[in-house]
Amino acid sequence: MSLHAFVTGTGWRNEDGSSRSRIIRRHCQMGTEVEFRKVPPRPPESHGVAVVVKVPRLMGLLPAADKTIGFVEAKVAARLLARLDAGETVRARVRSLHAPIEKDEPRVGLALDE
């Protein structure tokens, strides 16, 4: 069975100042693998689960950096938290993407095989 989710908070900036929408436009496409990470529920919209993508550094010479592109919506976060608490690595793939340059909050859909 496949679980579908949308990424929220894509228009925000990360703690390091990087633009999530720019990361999405440059490093996400159909089929890109993302990982879910447990985070403190601050801001409350995070629901405790961040969506992270690997971003290559120095043209692949350095290990890839993990960059947050947003958070998982509440109904999916509730299902994932138990798995993340158990130490499981949970991944998904981008199944839909709408990120025109003039849009501040790209729309990213994910598919997760359970």
PDB file of N, CA and C in Angstrom:
ATOM      1  N   MET A   1       0.842  -1.176   0.000  1.00  0.00           N
ATOM      2  CA  MET A   1       0.000   0.000   0.000  1.00  0.00           C
ATOM      3  C   MET A   1       0.891   1.245   0.000  1.00  0.00           C
ATOM      4  N   SER A   2       0.495   2.219  -0.752  1.00  0.00           N
ATOM      5  CA  SER A   2       1.276   3.449  -0.859  1.00  0.00           C
ATOM      6  C   SER A   2       0.583   4.577  -0.103  1.00  0.00           C
ATOM      7  N   LEU A   3       1.351   5.323   0.661  1.00  0.00           N
ATOM      8  CA  LEU A   3       0.853   6.470   1.414  1.00  0.00           C
ATOM      9  C   LEU A   3       1.280   7.731   0.679  1.00  0.00           C
ATOM     10  N   HIS A   4       0.348   8.656   0.486  1.00  0.00           N
ATOM     11  CA  HIS A   4       0.646   9.905  -0.210  1.00  0.00           C
ATOM     12  C   HIS A   4       0.575  11.067   0.776  1.00  0.00           C
ATOM     13  N   ALA A   5       1.459  12.040   0.584  1.00  0.00           N
ATOM     14  CA  ALA A   5       1.498  13.205   1.467  1.00  0.00           C
ATOM     15  C   ALA A   5       1.971  14.416   0.699  1.00  0.00           C
ATOM     16  N   PHE A   6       1.636  15.596   1.214  1.00  0.00           N
ATOM     17  CA  PHE A   6       2.145  16.838   0.664  1.00  0.00           C
ATOM     18  C   PHE A   6       3.075  17.480   1.682  1.00  0.00           C
ATOM     19  N   VAL A   7       4.079  18.181   1.181  1.00  0.00           N
ATOM     20  CA  VAL A   7       5.055  18.860   2.028  1.00  0.00           C
ATOM     21  C   VAL A   7       4.527  20.263   2.332  1.00  0.00           C
ATOM     22  N   THR A   8       4.554  20.641   3.615  1.00  0.00           N
ATOM     23  CA  THR A   8       4.127  21.972   4.033  1.00  0.00           C
ATOM     24  C   THR A   8       5.363  22.798   4.413  1.00  0.00           C
ATOM     25  N   GLY A   9       5.208  24.099   4.481  1.00  0.00           N
ATOM     26  CA  GLY A   9       6.307  24.967   4.901  1.00  0.00           C
ATOM     27  C   GLY A   9       7.408  25.115   3.865  1.00  0.00           C
ATOM     28  N   THR A  10       7.098  24.907   2.590  1.00  0.00           N
ATOM     29  CA  THR A  10       8.121  24.972   1.546  1.00  0.00           C
ATOM     30  C   THR A  10       8.582  26.389   1.233  1.00  0.00           C
ATOM     31  N   GLY A  11       7.846  27.378   1.665  1.00  0.00           N
ATOM     32  CA  GLY A  11       8.217  28.767   1.394  1.00  0.00           C
ATOM     33  C   GLY A  11       9.084  29.389   2.477  1.00  0.00           C
ATOM     34  N   TRP A  12       9.354  28.656   3.536  1.00  0.00           N
ATOM     35  CA  TRP A  12      10.143  29.182   4.649  1.00  0.00           C
ATOM     36  C   TRP A  12      11.632  29.055   4.360  1.00  0.00           C
ATOM     37  N   ARG A  13      12.418  29.646   5.242  1.00  0.00           N
ATOM     38  CA  ARG A  13      13.878  29.494   5.184  1.00  0.00           C
ATOM     39  C   ARG A  13      14.315  28.525   6.277  1.00  0.00           C
ATOM     40  N   ASN A  14      15.411  27.820   6.016  1.00  0.00           N
ATOM     41  CA  ASN A  14      15.988  26.925   7.014  1.00  0.00           C
ATOM     42  C   ASN A  14      16.787  27.730   8.029  1.00  0.00           C
ATOM     43  N   GLU A  15      17.170  27.093   9.115  1.00  0.00           N
ATOM     44  CA  GLU A  15      17.930  27.764  10.166  1.00  0.00           C
ATOM     45  C   GLU A  15      19.244  28.345   9.656  1.00  0.00           C
ATOM     46  N   ASP A  16      19.831  27.715   8.631  1.00  0.00           N
ATOM     47  CA  ASP A  16      21.089  28.224   8.073  1.00  0.00           C
ATOM     48  C   ASP A  16      20.863  29.339   7.052  1.00  0.00           C
ATOM     49  N   GLY A  17      19.606  29.738   6.845  1.00  0.00           N
ATOM     50  CA  GLY A  17      19.284  30.822   5.930  1.00  0.00           C
ATOM     51  C   GLY A  17      18.985  30.383   4.507  1.00  0.00           C
ATOM     52  N   SER A  18      19.162  29.098   4.211  1.00  0.00           N
ATOM     53  CA  SER A  18      18.911  28.622   2.852  1.00  0.00           C
ATOM     54  C   SER A  18      17.416  28.619   2.534  1.00  0.00           C
ATOM     55  N   SER A  19      17.098  28.893   1.291  1.00  0.00           N
ATOM     56  CA  SER A  19      15.720  28.958   0.830  1.00  0.00           C
ATOM     57  C   SER A  19      15.220  27.568   0.468  1.00  0.00           C
ATOM     58  N   ARG A  20      14.158  27.129   1.125  1.00  0.00           N
ATOM     59  CA  ARG A  20      13.599  25.814   0.825  1.00  0.00           C
ATOM     60  C   ARG A  20      13.076  25.748  -0.607  1.00  0.00           C
ATOM     61  N   SER A  21      12.430  26.818  -1.065  1.00  0.00           N
ATOM     62  CA  SER A  21      11.896  26.798  -2.425  1.00  0.00           C
ATOM     63  C   SER A  21      13.037  26.691  -3.449  1.00  0.00           C
ATOM     64  N   ARG A  22      14.152  27.319  -3.185  1.00  0.00           N
ATOM     65  CA  ARG A  22      15.298  27.215  -4.103  1.00  0.00           C
ATOM     66  C   ARG A  22      15.881  25.798  -4.090  1.00  0.00           C
ATOM     67  N   ILE A  23      15.979  25.198  -2.913  1.00  0.00           N
ATOM     68  CA  ILE A  23      16.473  23.824  -2.815  1.00  0.00           C
ATOM     69  C   ILE A  23      15.555  22.895  -3.609  1.00  0.00           C
ATOM     70  N   ILE A  24      14.253  23.084  -3.475  1.00  0.00           N
ATOM     71  CA  ILE A  24      13.289  22.252  -4.192  1.00  0.00           C
ATOM     72  C   ILE A  24      13.476  22.414  -5.696  1.00  0.00           C
ATOM     73  N   ARG A  25      13.569  23.651  -6.170  1.00  0.00           N
ATOM     74  CA  ARG A  25      13.717  23.885  -7.613  1.00  0.00           C
ATOM     75  C   ARG A  25      15.010  23.291  -8.168  1.00  0.00           C
ATOM     76  N   ARG A  26      16.076  23.321  -7.388  1.00  0.00           N
ATOM     77  CA  ARG A  26      17.377  22.858  -7.881  1.00  0.00           C
ATOM     78  C   ARG A  26      17.615  21.362  -7.688  1.00  0.00           C
ATOM     79  N   HIS A  27      17.022  20.770  -6.639  1.00  0.00           N
ATOM     80  CA  HIS A  27      17.415  19.408  -6.298  1.00  0.00           C
ATOM     81  C   HIS A  27      16.276  18.390  -6.245  1.00  0.00           C
ATOM     82  N   CYS A  28      15.061  18.815  -6.523  1.00  0.00           N
ATOM     83  CA  CYS A  28      13.937  17.877  -6.512  1.00  0.00           C
ATOM     84  C   CYS A  28      13.353  17.741  -7.911  1.00  0.00           C
ATOM     85  N   GLN A  29      13.013  16.530  -8.252  1.00  0.00           N
ATOM     86  CA  GLN A  29      12.308  16.241  -9.488  1.00  0.00           C
ATOM     87  C   GLN A  29      11.514  14.964  -9.258  1.00  0.00           C
ATOM     88  N   MET A  30      10.723  14.587 -10.218  1.00  0.00           N
ATOM     89  CA  MET A  30       9.928  13.367 -10.068  1.00  0.00           C
ATOM     90  C   MET A  30      10.869  12.194  -9.770  1.00  0.00           C
ATOM     91  N   GLY A  31      10.578  11.453  -8.705  1.00  0.00           N
ATOM     92  CA  GLY A  31      11.385  10.306  -8.338  1.00  0.00           C
ATOM     93  C   GLY A  31      12.518  10.579  -7.367  1.00  0.00           C
ATOM     94  N   THR A  32      12.793  11.828  -7.046  1.00  0.00           N
ATOM     95  CA  THR A  32      13.847  12.150  -6.089  1.00  0.00           C
ATOM     96  C   THR A  32      13.515  11.531  -4.734  1.00  0.00           C
ATOM     97  N   GLU A  33      14.498  10.889  -4.129  1.00  0.00           N
ATOM     98  CA  GLU A  33      14.290  10.274  -2.821  1.00  0.00           C
ATOM     99  C   GLU A  33      14.439  11.318  -1.719  1.00  0.00           C
ATOM    100  N   VAL A  34      13.523  11.284  -0.762  1.00  0.00           N
ATOM    101  CA  VAL A  34      13.574  12.147   0.415  1.00  0.00           C
ATOM    102  C   VAL A  34      13.522  11.271   1.653  1.00  0.00           C
ATOM    103  N   GLU A  35      13.932  11.818   2.770  1.00  0.00           N
ATOM    104  CA  GLU A  35      13.925  11.087   4.031  1.00  0.00           C
ATOM    105  C   GLU A  35      13.142  11.887   5.059  1.00  0.00           C
ATOM    106  N   PHE A  36      12.481  11.184   5.953  1.00  0.00           N
ATOM    107  CA  PHE A  36      11.741  11.832   7.031  1.00  0.00           C
ATOM    108  C   PHE A  36      12.596  11.810   8.283  1.00  0.00           C
ATOM    109  N   ARG A  37      12.626  12.939   8.998  1.00  0.00           N
ATOM    110  CA  ARG A  37      13.392  13.055  10.239  1.00  0.00           C
ATOM    111  C   ARG A  37      12.508  13.607  11.334  1.00  0.00           C
ATOM    112  N   LYS A  38      12.653  13.053  12.513  1.00  0.00           N
ATOM    113  CA  LYS A  38      11.915  13.563  13.666  1.00  0.00           C
ATOM    114  C   LYS A  38      12.573  14.861  14.129  1.00  0.00           C
ATOM    115  N   VAL A  39      11.761  15.885  14.342  1.00  0.00           N
ATOM    116  CA  VAL A  39      12.240  17.194  14.800  1.00  0.00           C
ATOM    117  C   VAL A  39      11.326  17.667  15.912  1.00  0.00           C
ATOM    118  N   PRO A  40      11.804  18.585  16.757  1.00  0.00           N
ATOM    119  CA  PRO A  40      10.907  19.155  17.763  1.00  0.00           C
ATOM    120  C   PRO A  40       9.744  19.858  17.053  1.00  0.00           C
ATOM    121  N   PRO A  41       8.532  19.765  17.600  1.00  0.00           N
ATOM    122  CA  PRO A  41       7.391  20.391  16.918  1.00  0.00           C
ATOM    123  C   PRO A  41       7.379  21.910  17.041  1.00  0.00           C
ATOM    124  N   ARG A  42       8.457  22.544  16.627  1.00  0.00           N
ATOM    125  CA  ARG A  42       8.549  23.999  16.560  1.00  0.00           C
ATOM    126  C   ARG A  42       8.976  24.344  15.159  1.00  0.00           C
ATOM    127  N   PRO A  43       8.307  25.078  14.416  1.00  0.00           N
ATOM    128  CA  PRO A  43       7.008  25.669  14.703  1.00  0.00           C
ATOM    129  C   PRO A  43       5.931  24.593  14.774  1.00  0.00           C
ATOM    130  N   PRO A  44       4.795  24.895  15.368  1.00  0.00           N
ATOM    131  CA  PRO A  44       3.735  23.889  15.507  1.00  0.00           C
ATOM    132  C   PRO A  44       3.320  23.258  14.182  1.00  0.00           C
ATOM    133  N   GLU A  45       3.490  23.986  13.077  1.00  0.00           N
ATOM    134  CA  GLU A  45       3.117  23.459  11.769  1.00  0.00           C
ATOM    135  C   GLU A  45       3.978  22.282  11.337  1.00  0.00           C
ATOM    136  N   SER A  46       5.097  22.051  12.021  1.00  0.00           N
ATOM    137  CA  SER A  46       5.994  20.966  11.628  1.00  0.00           C
ATOM    138  C   SER A  46       5.418  19.599  11.963  1.00  0.00           C
ATOM    139  N   HIS A  47       4.582  19.504  12.984  1.00  0.00           N
ATOM    140  CA  HIS A  47       3.981  18.239  13.441  1.00  0.00           C
ATOM    141  C   HIS A  47       5.040  17.203  13.798  1.00  0.00           C
ATOM    142  N   GLY A  48       6.287  17.636  13.972  1.00  0.00           N
ATOM    143  CA  GLY A  48       7.339  16.753  14.459  1.00  0.00           C
ATOM    144  C   GLY A  48       8.074  15.950  13.414  1.00  0.00           C
ATOM    145  N   VAL A  49       7.764  16.116  12.105  1.00  0.00           N
ATOM    146  CA  VAL A  49       8.441  15.332  11.070  1.00  0.00           C
ATOM    147  C   VAL A  49       8.866  16.259   9.921  1.00  0.00           C
ATOM    148  N   ALA A  50      10.180  16.337   9.707  1.00  0.00           N
ATOM    149  CA  ALA A  50      10.733  17.144   8.615  1.00  0.00           C
ATOM    150  C   ALA A  50      10.981  16.259   7.393  1.00  0.00           C
ATOM    151  N   VAL A  51      10.950  16.886   6.210  1.00  0.00           N
ATOM    152  CA  VAL A  51      11.266  16.208   4.955  1.00  0.00           C
ATOM    153  C   VAL A  51      12.628  16.725   4.508  1.00  0.00           C
ATOM    154  N   VAL A  52      13.572  15.796   4.301  1.00  0.00           N
ATOM    155  CA  VAL A  52      14.961  16.142   4.026  1.00  0.00           C
ATOM    156  C   VAL A  52      15.389  15.550   2.685  1.00  0.00           C
ATOM    157  N   VAL A  53      16.141  16.331   1.916  1.00  0.00           N
ATOM    158  CA  VAL A  53      16.691  15.876   0.644  1.00  0.00           C
ATOM    159  C   VAL A  53      18.216  15.998   0.710  1.00  0.00           C
ATOM    160  N   LYS A  54      18.911  15.098   0.037  1.00  0.00           N
ATOM    161  CA  LYS A  54      20.376  15.158  -0.032  1.00  0.00           C
ATOM    162  C   LYS A  54      20.770  16.143  -1.129  1.00  0.00           C
ATOM    163  N   VAL A  55      21.674  17.081  -0.781  1.00  0.00           N
ATOM    164  CA  VAL A  55      22.135  18.097  -1.721  1.00  0.00           C
ATOM    165  C   VAL A  55      23.633  17.909  -1.916  1.00  0.00           C
ATOM    166  N   PRO A  56      24.079  17.661  -3.161  1.00  0.00           N
ATOM    167  CA  PRO A  56      25.515  17.484  -3.398  1.00  0.00           C
ATOM    168  C   PRO A  56      26.301  18.755  -3.071  1.00  0.00           C
ATOM    169  N   ARG A  57      27.537  18.553  -2.590  1.00  0.00           N
ATOM    170  CA  ARG A  57      28.397  19.692  -2.260  1.00  0.00           C
ATOM    171  C   ARG A  57      29.690  19.607  -3.066  1.00  0.00           C
ATOM    172  N   LEU A  58      30.155  20.746  -3.495  1.00  0.00           N
ATOM    173  CA  LEU A  58      31.404  20.869  -4.246  1.00  0.00           C
ATOM    174  C   LEU A  58      31.456  19.856  -5.394  1.00  0.00           C
ATOM    175  N   MET A  59      30.407  19.901  -6.217  1.00  0.00           N
ATOM    176  CA  MET A  59      30.290  19.057  -7.412  1.00  0.00           C
ATOM    177  C   MET A  59      30.490  17.572  -7.110  1.00  0.00           C
ATOM    178  N   GLY A  60      30.043  17.137  -5.937  1.00  0.00           N
ATOM    179  CA  GLY A  60      30.125  15.727  -5.567  1.00  0.00           C
ATOM    180  C   GLY A  60      31.420  15.310  -4.908  1.00  0.00           C
ATOM    181  N   LEU A  61      32.350  16.228  -4.728  1.00  0.00           N
ATOM    182  CA  LEU A  61      33.624  15.877  -4.102  1.00  0.00           C
ATOM    183  C   LEU A  61      33.501  15.725  -2.594  1.00  0.00           C
ATOM    184  N   LEU A  62      32.562  16.434  -1.989  1.00  0.00           N
ATOM    185  CA  LEU A  62      32.302  16.313  -0.555  1.00  0.00           C
ATOM    186  C   LEU A  62      31.010  15.535  -0.353  1.00  0.00           C
ATOM    187  N   PRO A  63      30.839  14.930   0.807  1.00  0.00           N
ATOM    188  CA  PRO A  63      29.576  14.214   1.061  1.00  0.00           C
ATOM    189  C   PRO A  63      28.375  15.153   0.941  1.00  0.00           C
ATOM    190  N   ALA A  64      27.268  14.614   0.514  1.00  0.00           N
ATOM    191  CA  ALA A  64      26.042  15.402   0.344  1.00  0.00           C
ATOM    192  C   ALA A  64      25.561  15.938   1.689  1.00  0.00           C
ATOM    193  N   ALA A  65      24.957  17.115   1.646  1.00  0.00           N
ATOM    194  CA  ALA A  65      24.389  17.732   2.845  1.00  0.00           C
ATOM    195  C   ALA A  65      22.899  17.449   2.888  1.00  0.00           C
ATOM    196  N   ASP A  66      22.378  17.253   4.079  1.00  0.00           N
ATOM    197  CA  ASP A  66      20.941  17.061   4.258  1.00  0.00           C
ATOM    198  C   ASP A  66      20.288  18.429   4.427  1.00  0.00           C
ATOM    199  N   LYS A  67      19.313  18.737   3.569  1.00  0.00           N
ATOM    200  CA  LYS A  67      18.617  20.017   3.628  1.00  0.00           C
ATOM    201  C   LYS A  67      17.121  19.780   3.778  1.00  0.00           C
ATOM    202  N   THR A  68      16.523  20.491   4.715  1.00  0.00           N
ATOM    203  CA  THR A  68      15.081  20.408   4.942  1.00  0.00           C
ATOM    204  C   THR A  68      14.353  21.173   3.844  1.00  0.00           C
ATOM    205  N   ILE A  69      13.323  20.532   3.253  1.00  0.00           N
ATOM    206  CA  ILE A  69      12.504  21.215   2.247  1.00  0.00           C
ATOM    207  C   ILE A  69      11.107  21.527   2.790  1.00  0.00           C
ATOM    208  N   GLY A  70      10.810  21.064   3.993  1.00  0.00           N
ATOM    209  CA  GLY A  70       9.509  21.338   4.602  1.00  0.00           C
ATOM    210  C   GLY A  70       9.163  20.284   5.638  1.00  0.00           C
ATOM    211  N   PHE A  71       7.875  20.175   5.895  1.00  0.00           N
ATOM    212  CA  PHE A  71       7.379  19.230   6.898  1.00  0.00           C
ATOM    213  C   PHE A  71       6.255  18.398   6.308  1.00  0.00           C
ATOM    214  N   VAL A  72       5.988  17.295   6.964  1.00  0.00           N
ATOM    215  CA  VAL A  72       4.901  16.423   6.528  1.00  0.00           C
ATOM    216  C   VAL A  72       3.608  16.875   7.201  1.00  0.00           C
ATOM    217  N   GLU A  73       2.504  16.769   6.495  1.00  0.00           N
ATOM    218  CA  GLU A  73       1.208  17.166   7.048  1.00  0.00           C
ATOM    219  C   GLU A  73       0.845  16.283   8.244  1.00  0.00           C
ATOM    220  N   ALA A  74      -0.014  16.783   9.114  1.00  0.00           N
ATOM    221  CA  ALA A  74      -0.313  16.170  10.417  1.00  0.00           C
ATOM    222  C   ALA A  74      -0.748  14.710  10.335  1.00  0.00           C
ATOM    223  N   LYS A  75      -1.662  14.363   9.445  1.00  0.00           N
ATOM    224  CA  LYS A  75      -2.184  12.988   9.402  1.00  0.00           C
ATOM    225  C   LYS A  75      -1.095  11.986   9.062  1.00  0.00           C
ATOM    226  N   VAL A  76      -0.143  12.371   8.220  1.00  0.00           N
ATOM    227  CA  VAL A  76       0.952  11.472   7.859  1.00  0.00           C
ATOM    228  C   VAL A  76       2.000  11.458   8.969  1.00  0.00           C
ATOM    229  N   ALA A  77       2.260  12.609   9.582  1.00  0.00           N
ATOM    230  CA  ALA A  77       3.232  12.694  10.667  1.00  0.00           C
ATOM    231  C   ALA A  77       2.862  11.751  11.803  1.00  0.00           C
ATOM    232  N   ALA A  78       1.592  11.684  12.133  1.00  0.00           N
ATOM    233  CA  ALA A  78       1.139  10.802  13.211  1.00  0.00           C
ATOM    234  C   ALA A  78       1.474   9.338  12.903  1.00  0.00           C
ATOM    235  N   ARG A  79       1.375   8.953  11.643  1.00  0.00           N
ATOM    236  CA  ARG A  79       1.680   7.571  11.253  1.00  0.00           C
ATOM    237  C   ARG A  79       3.180   7.296  11.225  1.00  0.00           C
ATOM    238  N   LEU A  80       3.966   8.324  10.923  1.00  0.00           N
ATOM    239  CA  LEU A  80       5.411   8.133  10.795  1.00  0.00           C
ATOM    240  C   LEU A  80       6.160   8.210  12.120  1.00  0.00           C
ATOM    241  N   LEU A  81       5.636   8.950  13.084  1.00  0.00           N
ATOM    242  CA  LEU A  81       6.361   9.159  14.340  1.00  0.00           C
ATOM    243  C   LEU A  81       6.701   7.861  15.064  1.00  0.00           C
ATOM    244  N   ALA A  82       5.801   6.903  15.068  1.00  0.00           N
ATOM    245  CA  ALA A  82       6.080   5.624  15.737  1.00  0.00           C
ATOM    246  C   ALA A  82       7.263   4.914  15.075  1.00  0.00           C
ATOM    247  N   ARG A  83       7.299   4.949  13.760  1.00  0.00           N
ATOM    248  CA  ARG A  83       8.398   4.304  13.037  1.00  0.00           C
ATOM    249  C   ARG A  83       9.714   5.029  13.292  1.00  0.00           C
ATOM    250  N   LEU A  84       9.675   6.348  13.309  1.00  0.00           N
ATOM    251  CA  LEU A  84      10.881   7.129  13.565  1.00  0.00           C
ATOM    252  C   LEU A  84      11.360   6.955  15.005  1.00  0.00           C
ATOM    253  N   ASP A  85      10.419   6.877  15.950  1.00  0.00           N
ATOM    254  CA  ASP A  85      10.773   6.648  17.357  1.00  0.00           C
ATOM    255  C   ASP A  85      11.449   5.294  17.542  1.00  0.00           C
ATOM    256  N   ALA A  86      11.099   4.326  16.712  1.00  0.00           N
ATOM    257  CA  ALA A  86      11.690   2.987  16.788  1.00  0.00           C
ATOM    258  C   ALA A  86      13.070   2.933  16.121  1.00  0.00           C
ATOM    259  N   GLY A  87      13.522   4.065  15.589  1.00  0.00           N
ATOM    260  CA  GLY A  87      14.842   4.115  14.969  1.00  0.00           C
ATOM    261  C   GLY A  87      14.861   3.727  13.503  1.00  0.00           C
ATOM    262  N   GLU A  88      13.700   3.553  12.917  1.00  0.00           N
ATOM    263  CA  GLU A  88      13.620   3.162  11.511  1.00  0.00           C
ATOM    264  C   GLU A  88      13.917   4.370  10.610  1.00  0.00           C
ATOM    265  N   THR A  89      14.619   4.128   9.514  1.00  0.00           N
ATOM    266  CA  THR A  89      14.833   5.163   8.505  1.00  0.00           C
ATOM    267  C   THR A  89      13.678   5.067   7.524  1.00  0.00           C
ATOM    268  N   VAL A  90      12.949   6.167   7.370  1.00  0.00           N
ATOM    269  CA  VAL A  90      11.760   6.170   6.514  1.00  0.00           C
ATOM    270  C   VAL A  90      12.024   7.102   5.338  1.00  0.00           C
ATOM    271  N   ARG A  91      11.848   6.559   4.126  1.00  0.00           N
ATOM    272  CA  ARG A  91      12.085   7.327   2.908  1.00  0.00           C
ATOM    273  C   ARG A  91      10.845   7.321   2.023  1.00  0.00           C
ATOM    274  N   ALA A  92      10.813   8.294   1.112  1.00  0.00           N
ATOM    275  CA  ALA A  92       9.722   8.385   0.133  1.00  0.00           C
ATOM    276  C   ALA A  92      10.320   8.936  -1.156  1.00  0.00           C
ATOM    277  N   ARG A  93       9.480   9.049  -2.165  1.00  0.00           N
ATOM    278  CA  ARG A  93       9.901   9.626  -3.436  1.00  0.00           C
ATOM    279  C   ARG A  93       8.946  10.749  -3.828  1.00  0.00           C
ATOM    280  N   VAL A  94       9.486  11.752  -4.514  1.00  0.00           N
ATOM    281  CA  VAL A  94       8.655  12.836  -5.025  1.00  0.00           C
ATOM    282  C   VAL A  94       7.768  12.262  -6.124  1.00  0.00           C
ATOM    283  N   ARG A  95       6.447  12.447  -5.990  1.00  0.00           N
ATOM    284  CA  ARG A  95       5.519  11.936  -7.003  1.00  0.00           C
ATOM    285  C   ARG A  95       4.862  13.054  -7.792  1.00  0.00           C
ATOM    286  N   SER A  96       4.880  14.278  -7.250  1.00  0.00           N
ATOM    287  CA  SER A  96       4.369  15.433  -7.990  1.00  0.00           C
ATOM    288  C   SER A  96       5.117  16.670  -7.535  1.00  0.00           C
ATOM    289  N   LEU A  97       5.286  17.607  -8.465  1.00  0.00           N
ATOM    290  CA  LEU A  97       6.060  18.799  -8.166  1.00  0.00           C
ATOM    291  C   LEU A  97       5.547  19.953  -9.015  1.00  0.00           C
ATOM    292  N   HIS A  98       5.225  21.048  -8.341  1.00  0.00           N
ATOM    293  CA  HIS A  98       4.822  22.272  -9.029  1.00  0.00           C
ATOM    294  C   HIS A  98       5.607  23.406  -8.385  1.00  0.00           C
ATOM    295  N   ALA A  99       6.667  23.873  -9.085  1.00  0.00           N
ATOM    296  CA  ALA A  99       7.569  24.859  -8.496  1.00  0.00           C
ATOM    297  C   ALA A  99       7.981  25.931  -9.498  1.00  0.00           C
ATOM    298  N   PRO A 100       7.020  26.671 -10.056  1.00  0.00           N
ATOM    299  CA  PRO A 100       7.414  27.752 -10.969  1.00  0.00           C
ATOM    300  C   PRO A 100       8.163  28.839 -10.205  1.00  0.00           C
ATOM    301  N   ILE A 101       9.022  29.537 -10.888  1.00  0.00           N
ATOM    302  CA  ILE A 101       9.890  30.532 -10.257  1.00  0.00           C
ATOM    303  C   ILE A 101       9.096  31.643  -9.571  1.00  0.00           C
ATOM    304  N   GLU A 102       7.922  31.972 -10.098  1.00  0.00           N
ATOM    305  CA  GLU A 102       7.133  33.058  -9.513  1.00  0.00           C
ATOM    306  C   GLU A 102       6.323  32.619  -8.290  1.00  0.00           C
ATOM    307  N   LYS A 103       6.330  31.341  -7.958  1.00  0.00           N
ATOM    308  CA  LYS A 103       5.567  30.829  -6.823  1.00  0.00           C
ATOM    309  C   LYS A 103       6.478  30.710  -5.604  1.00  0.00           C
ATOM    310  N   ASP A 104       6.098  31.353  -4.492  1.00  0.00           N
ATOM    311  CA  ASP A 104       6.933  31.343  -3.288  1.00  0.00           C
ATOM    312  C   ASP A 104       6.894  30.018  -2.538  1.00  0.00           C
ATOM    313  N   GLU A 105       5.796  29.285  -2.650  1.00  0.00           N
ATOM    314  CA  GLU A 105       5.668  28.010  -1.941  1.00  0.00           C
ATOM    315  C   GLU A 105       5.435  26.890  -2.937  1.00  0.00           C
ATOM    316  N   PRO A 106       6.514  26.202  -3.355  1.00  0.00           N
ATOM    317  CA  PRO A 106       6.340  25.084  -4.280  1.00  0.00           C
ATOM    318  C   PRO A 106       5.452  23.997  -3.670  1.00  0.00           C
ATOM    319  N   ARG A 107       4.756  23.285  -4.510  1.00  0.00           N
ATOM    320  CA  ARG A 107       3.880  22.190  -4.072  1.00  0.00           C
ATOM    321  C   ARG A 107       4.593  20.880  -4.378  1.00  0.00           C
ATOM    322  N   VAL A 108       4.883  20.105  -3.333  1.00  0.00           N
ATOM    323  CA  VAL A 108       5.597  18.846  -3.478  1.00  0.00           C
ATOM    324  C   VAL A 108       4.739  17.724  -2.914  1.00  0.00           C
ATOM    325  N   GLY A 109       4.464  16.722  -3.737  1.00  0.00           N
ATOM    326  CA  GLY A 109       3.722  15.542  -3.311  1.00  0.00           C
ATOM    327  C   GLY A 109       4.675  14.362  -3.183  1.00  0.00           C
ATOM    328  N   LEU A 110       4.455  13.536  -2.171  1.00  0.00           N
ATOM    329  CA  LEU A 110       5.332  12.399  -1.895  1.00  0.00           C
ATOM    330  C   LEU A 110       4.557  11.084  -1.929  1.00  0.00           C
ATOM    331  N   ALA A 111       5.246  10.015  -2.285  1.00  0.00           N
ATOM    332  CA  ALA A 111       4.684   8.667  -2.234  1.00  0.00           C
ATOM    333  C   ALA A 111       5.594   7.812  -1.362  1.00  0.00           C
ATOM    334  N   LEU A 112       5.006   7.141  -0.392  1.00  0.00           N
ATOM    335  CA  LEU A 112       5.748   6.320   0.564  1.00  0.00           C
ATOM    336  C   LEU A 112       5.158   4.930   0.552  1.00  0.00           C
ATOM    337  N   ASP A 113       5.984   3.929   0.275  1.00  0.00           N
ATOM    338  CA  ASP A 113       5.513   2.548   0.322  1.00  0.00           C
ATOM    339  C   ASP A 113       5.569   2.066   1.765  1.00  0.00           C
ATOM    340  N   GLU A 114       4.442   1.569   2.246  1.00  0.00           N
ATOM    341  CA  GLU A 114       4.382   1.089   3.633  1.00  0.00           C
ATOM    342  C   GLU A 114       4.544  -0.402   3.688  1.00  0.00           C
TER     343      GLU A 114
END
